[in-house]
Amino acid sequence: MPFHNRSNGSEARTTGSRAHKGRQTNQAQAPQKPVNPAARNGAVRPFVPAVEEPIPAFYKGEDWVAAAVTALIAGFVFYYYMSPDVTLQDSGELVTGAYNFGVPHPPGYPLWSFLCWIWRHIVTVGNPAWRVCLLSVITGAMTVGLVTLLTKRTLLMLLEASPWAEKIDPFTKRWMALTLGVFSAMIFAFNQGVWLWSCVPEMRVLSVFMFFLTSTTFFLWTLRPDRHVYLYVTMLLVGLGISNHQTLLVMVAPFVIGAFAVGIQPIVDARPIPLRLSAIMPSLRATSELVITGLFAGGITFLIRCWLEMPPAAAFFDGGFGTVMTFLVPALILVL
């Protein structure tokens, strides 16, 4: 009987020891809540989330100052030599059409005409030709400022990537690029073509401005491909620029090739190179967006042109136009 009691006591002690170890194990496995160091001292502070570091500005303050200086210098010179009235060639017709919100000779220059019509309500002094010519002066000056920004940044990237410039300190590189950018913009401003068309009431300097504006926004996107807003702004500006003059169409092919190069670079750098279409297409998103937008815009332009060239009494789907539409409409739907 005593032996039986000792056995029960031993089993009880063993059971209690196991239960105690189990509680220790459960406490060790349970997730520990983080302890605020300030709470140990009796002070409770609110939790402050981590703040992401902002992306540095693409253009520095010195770049904007240089662009403003070159634009002001060019603007003063353009204003000094500005035509006080209509000039030769198409000046009189263009001023009349834009001032009255009309349609000049084909292609009509709708963007320039619309901007001139708004400008005549902002500037209420001077004759109509003088007001339109003042808009040309401001547009030419803004173009020179864009050339300064674009050239300076491009030269700085070349200096940073060139092996022969590795021994040059960053401060010297920056001021070399800034100096060359300013002088390049001044040479551009005072060549015969830009100087001439910035001093007469015509639309050609606006075409030059759209060339550099679209180049600047696309250049920004190539350096920061994750910012798709730069690409979308470029597409919008290309459409507006084409509405001023069709010569901007020559920029479409370089933009598509550039977007393809930016998209294919991560695929080429990957090892091994993925051969699946599902892995390649996300990187070529920008290229596909440009191509689809171009096809859609081209299709709409074709439809409008066909509609304008139809005889007044003809039906919309008569003749060869209907045959073309039979293939064009399904193609547009498939692309979309």
Protein backbone atom coordinates (compact mmCIF):
# COMPACT_ATOMS: atom_id res chain seq x y z
CA MET A 1 0.00 0.00 0.00
CA PRO A 2 2.73 2.54 0.80
CA PHE A 3 4.48 1.54 -2.38
CA HIS A 4 1.32 2.32 -4.32
CA ASN A 5 1.11 5.80 -2.80
CA ARG A 6 4.71 6.58 -3.68
CA SER A 7 4.05 5.54 -7.27
CA ASN A 8 1.01 7.83 -7.57
CA GLY A 9 3.00 10.74 -6.16
CA SER A 10 5.80 10.15 -8.63
CA GLU A 11 3.36 10.05 -11.56
CA ALA A 12 1.70 13.25 -10.38
CA ARG A 13 5.03 15.02 -10.14
CA THR A 14 5.97 13.77 -13.65
CA THR A 15 2.63 14.95 -15.09
CA GLY A 16 3.01 18.38 -13.48
CA SER A 17 6.55 18.73 -14.82
CA ARG A 18 5.39 17.86 -18.35
CA ALA A 19 2.53 20.36 -18.14
CA HIS A 20 4.92 23.08 -16.98
CA LYS A 21 7.29 22.34 -19.86
CA GLY A 22 4.34 22.42 -22.30
CA ARG A 23 3.34 25.87 -21.08
CA GLN A 24 6.91 27.07 -21.51
CA THR A 25 6.99 25.63 -25.06
CA ASN A 26 3.68 27.30 -26.00
CA GLN A 27 4.89 30.61 -24.63
CA ALA A 28 8.11 30.30 -26.61
CA GLN A 29 6.24 29.48 -29.83
CA ALA A 30 3.67 32.26 -29.45
CA PRO A 31 4.49 35.42 -31.47
CA GLN A 32 6.05 38.11 -29.35
CA LYS A 33 4.60 41.59 -29.63
CA PRO A 34 7.17 44.27 -30.33
CA VAL A 35 7.95 46.35 -27.30
CA ASN A 36 8.29 50.08 -27.77
CA PRO A 37 11.53 51.16 -26.06
CA ALA A 38 9.87 54.38 -24.98
CA ALA A 39 7.13 52.42 -23.18
CA ARG A 40 9.72 50.92 -20.81
CA ASN A 41 10.51 54.40 -19.56
CA GLY A 42 6.85 55.20 -19.05
CA ALA A 43 6.44 57.38 -22.17
CA VAL A 44 4.17 56.17 -24.95
CA ARG A 45 4.90 57.61 -28.39
CA PRO A 46 2.70 57.23 -31.48
CA PHE A 47 3.89 54.95 -34.27
CA VAL A 48 5.43 56.88 -37.17
CA PRO A 49 5.51 54.99 -40.52
CA ALA A 50 8.62 55.05 -42.64
CA VAL A 51 8.63 57.72 -45.34
CA GLU A 52 9.97 56.82 -48.79
CA GLU A 53 12.75 58.99 -50.12
CA PRO A 54 11.50 61.29 -52.91
CA ILE A 55 12.86 60.83 -56.40
CA PRO A 56 15.39 63.58 -57.17
CA ALA A 57 14.33 66.23 -59.63
CA PHE A 58 15.26 65.54 -63.21
CA TYR A 59 16.24 69.15 -63.91
CA LYS A 60 18.15 71.17 -61.34
CA GLY A 61 17.60 74.82 -60.49
CA GLU A 62 20.58 75.86 -62.56
CA ASP A 63 19.00 74.21 -65.61
CA TRP A 64 15.82 76.23 -65.28
CA VAL A 65 17.78 79.43 -64.75
CA ALA A 66 19.86 78.77 -67.87
CA ALA A 67 16.72 77.99 -69.89
CA ALA A 68 15.06 81.20 -68.69
CA VAL A 69 18.12 83.29 -69.53
CA THR A 70 18.47 81.89 -73.05
CA ALA A 71 14.73 82.27 -73.65
CA LEU A 72 14.81 85.91 -72.51
CA ILE A 73 17.84 86.76 -74.65
CA ALA A 74 16.32 85.16 -77.72
CA GLY A 75 12.92 86.71 -76.96
CA PHE A 76 14.34 90.24 -76.75
CA VAL A 77 16.19 89.81 -80.04
CA PHE A 78 13.13 88.34 -81.75
CA TYR A 79 10.97 91.18 -80.42
CA TYR A 80 13.43 93.80 -81.67
CA TYR A 81 13.34 92.37 -85.20
CA MET A 82 9.64 91.47 -85.12
CA SER A 83 7.54 92.44 -88.10
CA PRO A 84 5.08 95.24 -87.23
CA ASP A 85 2.54 94.15 -89.82
CA VAL A 86 1.84 91.44 -92.40
CA THR A 87 4.75 90.14 -94.44
CA LEU A 88 5.03 88.36 -97.78
CA GLN A 89 3.87 84.87 -98.74
CA ASP A 90 0.97 83.52 -96.62
CA SER A 91 1.13 85.99 -93.75
CA GLY A 92 -1.98 88.03 -94.60
CA GLU A 93 -4.16 84.99 -95.25
CA LEU A 94 -2.98 83.20 -92.11
CA VAL A 95 -3.51 86.24 -89.88
CA THR A 96 -6.99 86.82 -91.29
CA GLY A 97 -8.01 83.21 -90.78
CA ALA A 98 -6.59 82.92 -87.27
CA TYR A 99 -7.82 86.32 -86.08
CA ASN A 100 -11.41 85.54 -87.11
CA PHE A 101 -11.24 81.86 -86.04
CA GLY A 102 -11.44 80.80 -89.66
CA VAL A 103 -9.68 78.18 -91.74
CA PRO A 104 -6.49 79.14 -93.63
CA HIS A 105 -5.29 77.18 -96.65
CA PRO A 106 -4.89 73.39 -96.26
CA PRO A 107 -4.12 71.79 -93.93
CA GLY A 108 -5.76 74.62 -92.04
CA TYR A 109 -3.38 74.64 -89.05
CA PRO A 110 -6.18 74.24 -86.49
CA LEU A 111 -3.93 74.27 -83.40
CA TRP A 112 -2.14 77.44 -84.45
CA SER A 113 -5.39 79.12 -85.52
CA PHE A 114 -7.06 78.27 -82.22
CA LEU A 115 -4.12 79.53 -80.15
CA CYS A 116 -3.96 82.77 -82.16
CA TRP A 117 -7.69 83.29 -81.70
CA ILE A 118 -7.31 82.93 -77.92
CA TRP A 119 -4.23 85.16 -77.99
CA ARG A 120 -6.09 88.01 -79.70
CA HIS A 121 -8.47 88.13 -76.70
CA ILE A 122 -5.56 88.19 -74.23
CA VAL A 123 -3.49 90.86 -76.01
CA THR A 124 -5.84 93.68 -76.94
CA VAL A 125 -3.31 96.24 -78.22
CA GLY A 126 -1.80 96.50 -81.68
CA ASN A 127 -3.06 95.45 -85.08
CA PRO A 128 -3.98 91.78 -85.73
CA ALA A 129 -0.70 90.97 -87.48
CA TRP A 130 1.34 92.49 -84.64
CA ARG A 131 -0.52 90.41 -82.04
CA VAL A 132 0.00 87.18 -83.96
CA CYS A 133 3.65 88.05 -84.52
CA LEU A 134 4.08 88.60 -80.77
CA LEU A 135 2.85 85.05 -80.24
CA SER A 136 5.52 83.85 -82.68
CA VAL A 137 8.17 85.71 -80.67
CA ILE A 138 7.09 84.05 -77.42
CA THR A 139 6.87 80.62 -79.05
CA GLY A 140 10.37 80.99 -80.50
CA ALA A 141 11.76 82.06 -77.12
CA MET A 142 10.15 79.06 -75.40
CA THR A 143 11.65 76.80 -78.07
CA VAL A 144 15.12 78.10 -77.28
CA GLY A 145 14.54 77.40 -73.58
CA LEU A 146 13.52 73.81 -74.36
CA VAL A 147 16.65 73.34 -76.47
CA THR A 148 18.74 74.49 -73.51
CA LEU A 149 17.15 71.97 -71.13
CA LEU A 150 17.31 69.08 -73.56
CA THR A 151 20.87 69.72 -74.73
CA LYS A 152 22.30 70.27 -71.27
CA ARG A 153 20.81 67.08 -69.85
CA THR A 154 21.89 65.01 -72.86
CA LEU A 155 25.47 66.31 -72.72
CA LEU A 156 25.65 65.62 -68.97
CA MET A 157 24.58 62.01 -69.53
CA LEU A 158 27.23 61.61 -72.24
CA LEU A 159 29.92 63.01 -69.95
CA GLU A 160 28.90 60.71 -67.12
CA ALA A 161 28.94 57.67 -69.41
CA SER A 162 32.18 58.44 -71.31
CA PRO A 163 35.33 56.63 -70.10
CA TRP A 164 37.59 59.56 -70.97
CA ALA A 165 35.61 61.82 -68.60
CA GLU A 166 35.98 59.61 -65.52
CA LYS A 167 38.76 61.79 -64.10
CA ILE A 168 36.63 64.94 -64.34
CA ASP A 169 34.87 65.79 -61.10
CA PRO A 170 31.02 65.96 -61.13
CA PHE A 171 30.95 69.73 -60.56
CA THR A 172 33.05 70.38 -63.67
CA LYS A 173 30.99 67.96 -65.73
CA ARG A 174 27.79 69.72 -64.73
CA TRP A 175 29.08 73.16 -65.67
CA MET A 176 30.62 71.89 -68.90
CA ALA A 177 27.24 70.48 -69.93
CA LEU A 178 25.47 73.67 -68.86
CA THR A 179 27.85 75.92 -70.80
CA LEU A 180 27.66 73.81 -73.94
CA GLY A 181 23.88 73.62 -73.64
CA VAL A 182 23.54 77.40 -73.41
CA PHE A 183 25.82 78.08 -76.37
CA SER A 184 24.13 75.36 -78.46
CA ALA A 185 20.74 76.94 -77.75
CA MET A 186 22.03 80.37 -78.73
CA ILE A 187 23.44 79.02 -82.00
CA PHE A 188 20.10 77.35 -82.66
CA ALA A 189 18.16 80.53 -81.85
CA PHE A 190 20.08 82.77 -84.24
CA ASN A 191 20.27 80.54 -87.28
CA GLN A 192 18.41 81.85 -90.29
CA GLY A 193 15.33 79.62 -90.10
CA VAL A 194 14.42 79.97 -86.41
CA TRP A 195 15.27 83.66 -86.32
CA LEU A 196 13.18 84.36 -89.41
CA TRP A 197 10.05 82.40 -88.45
CA SER A 198 10.10 83.73 -84.89
CA CYS A 199 9.71 87.29 -86.20
CA VAL A 200 6.79 86.87 -88.63
CA PRO A 201 3.08 86.12 -88.05
CA GLU A 202 3.08 82.51 -89.28
CA MET A 203 2.72 79.03 -87.80
CA ARG A 204 6.11 77.46 -88.62
CA VAL A 205 7.81 78.27 -85.33
CA LEU A 206 4.97 76.46 -83.52
CA SER A 207 5.87 73.30 -85.45
CA VAL A 208 9.48 73.63 -84.28
CA PHE A 209 8.27 74.12 -80.72
CA MET A 210 6.14 70.94 -80.89
CA PHE A 211 9.13 68.99 -82.21
CA PHE A 212 11.22 69.85 -79.16
CA LEU A 213 8.36 69.62 -76.68
CA THR A 214 7.50 66.05 -77.71
CA SER A 215 11.20 65.15 -77.73
CA THR A 216 11.60 66.48 -74.19
CA THR A 217 8.65 64.54 -72.74
CA PHE A 218 9.67 61.34 -74.51
CA PHE A 219 13.24 61.79 -73.29
CA LEU A 220 11.92 62.08 -69.74
CA TRP A 221 10.00 58.83 -70.16
CA THR A 222 13.01 56.91 -71.51
CA LEU A 223 14.92 57.78 -68.34
CA ARG A 224 11.99 56.93 -66.06
CA PRO A 225 9.95 54.25 -67.85
CA ASP A 226 7.84 53.60 -64.76
CA ARG A 227 6.32 57.09 -65.13
CA HIS A 228 3.83 56.29 -67.89
CA VAL A 229 2.38 59.78 -67.63
CA TYR A 230 5.36 61.09 -69.63
CA LEU A 231 4.56 58.65 -72.44
CA TYR A 232 0.86 59.55 -72.44
CA VAL A 233 1.68 63.27 -72.50
CA THR A 234 4.01 62.62 -75.45
CA MET A 235 1.23 60.86 -77.35
CA LEU A 236 -1.15 63.75 -76.65
CA LEU A 237 1.42 66.33 -77.78
CA VAL A 238 2.14 64.39 -80.97
CA GLY A 239 -1.56 64.47 -81.82
CA LEU A 240 -1.75 68.20 -81.14
CA GLY A 241 1.42 68.83 -83.12
CA ILE A 242 0.10 66.93 -86.13
CA SER A 243 -3.01 69.10 -85.97
CA ASN A 244 -0.71 72.08 -86.51
CA HIS A 245 1.35 70.54 -89.31
CA GLN A 246 1.82 66.98 -90.57
CA THR A 247 5.61 67.23 -90.54
CA LEU A 248 5.54 66.00 -86.94
CA LEU A 249 4.64 62.55 -88.30
CA VAL A 250 8.36 61.94 -88.86
CA MET A 251 8.73 61.71 -85.07
CA VAL A 252 6.38 58.74 -84.75
CA ALA A 253 8.83 56.11 -86.03
CA PRO A 254 11.69 57.21 -83.71
CA PHE A 255 9.32 57.19 -80.75
CA VAL A 256 8.15 53.64 -81.52
CA ILE A 257 11.75 52.44 -81.98
CA GLY A 258 12.80 54.15 -78.76
CA ALA A 259 9.92 52.61 -76.80
CA PHE A 260 10.84 49.19 -78.20
CA ALA A 261 14.48 49.67 -77.18
CA VAL A 262 13.51 50.68 -73.64
CA GLY A 263 11.16 47.70 -73.33
CA ILE A 264 13.50 45.09 -74.81
CA GLN A 265 16.49 46.11 -72.67
CA PRO A 266 15.37 44.24 -69.50
CA ILE A 267 14.62 41.16 -71.60
CA VAL A 268 18.08 41.20 -73.19
CA ASP A 269 19.76 41.73 -69.82
CA ALA A 270 17.89 38.77 -68.28
CA ARG A 271 19.79 35.47 -68.07
CA PRO A 272 18.43 33.26 -69.45
CA ILE A 273 16.44 35.29 -71.96
CA PRO A 274 12.74 34.44 -71.58
CA LEU A 275 11.18 33.06 -74.74
CA ARG A 276 7.58 32.95 -73.53
CA LEU A 277 5.26 35.60 -74.95
CA SER A 278 3.65 36.12 -71.53
CA ALA A 279 7.04 37.13 -70.13
CA ILE A 280 7.99 39.43 -73.02
CA MET A 281 4.78 41.39 -73.65
CA PRO A 282 4.64 43.23 -70.27
CA SER A 283 8.02 44.78 -71.05
CA LEU A 284 6.77 45.89 -74.48
CA ARG A 285 3.66 47.57 -73.10
CA ALA A 286 4.76 51.05 -74.17
CA THR A 287 5.50 49.89 -77.72
CA SER A 288 2.12 48.24 -78.05
CA GLU A 289 0.38 51.34 -76.71
CA LEU A 290 2.11 53.55 -79.28
CA VAL A 291 1.36 51.16 -82.14
CA ILE A 292 -2.31 50.76 -81.16
CA THR A 293 -2.73 54.50 -80.74
CA GLY A 294 -1.13 55.13 -84.12
CA LEU A 295 -3.31 52.55 -85.86
CA PHE A 296 -6.46 53.91 -84.27
CA ALA A 297 -5.57 57.52 -85.11
CA GLY A 298 -4.66 56.52 -88.66
CA GLY A 299 -7.94 54.65 -89.10
CA ILE A 300 -10.00 57.57 -87.84
CA THR A 301 -8.06 59.97 -90.07
CA PHE A 302 -8.70 57.72 -93.05
CA LEU A 303 -12.42 57.60 -92.34
CA ILE A 304 -12.66 61.37 -92.02
CA ARG A 305 -10.72 61.90 -95.25
CA CYS A 306 -12.93 59.47 -97.13
CA TRP A 307 -16.03 61.16 -95.76
CA LEU A 308 -14.75 64.61 -96.84
CA GLU A 309 -13.98 63.39 -100.37
CA MET A 310 -17.37 61.75 -100.90
CA PRO A 311 -19.79 63.40 -103.32
CA PRO A 312 -22.64 65.20 -101.54
CA ALA A 313 -25.33 62.82 -102.82
CA ALA A 314 -23.37 59.57 -102.30
CA ALA A 315 -24.27 57.09 -99.62
CA PHE A 316 -21.70 56.39 -96.91
CA PHE A 317 -20.99 52.79 -97.99
CA ASP A 318 -21.29 53.15 -101.77
CA GLY A 319 -18.58 52.07 -104.20
CA GLY A 320 -15.02 51.36 -103.24
CA PHE A 321 -15.37 53.13 -99.90
CA GLY A 322 -17.77 50.46 -98.71
CA THR A 323 -15.33 47.74 -99.73
CA VAL A 324 -12.53 49.39 -97.77
CA MET A 325 -14.78 49.82 -94.74
CA THR A 326 -15.67 46.13 -94.83
CA PHE A 327 -12.04 45.31 -94.01
CA LEU A 328 -11.10 48.39 -92.01
CA VAL A 329 -13.82 48.32 -89.34
CA PRO A 330 -13.17 44.68 -88.25
CA ALA A 331 -9.42 45.44 -88.19
CA LEU A 332 -9.96 48.43 -85.90
CA ILE A 333 -12.20 46.37 -83.61
CA LEU A 334 -9.58 43.62 -83.47
CA VAL A 335 -6.84 46.12 -82.60
CA LEU A 336 -8.91 47.69 -79.83
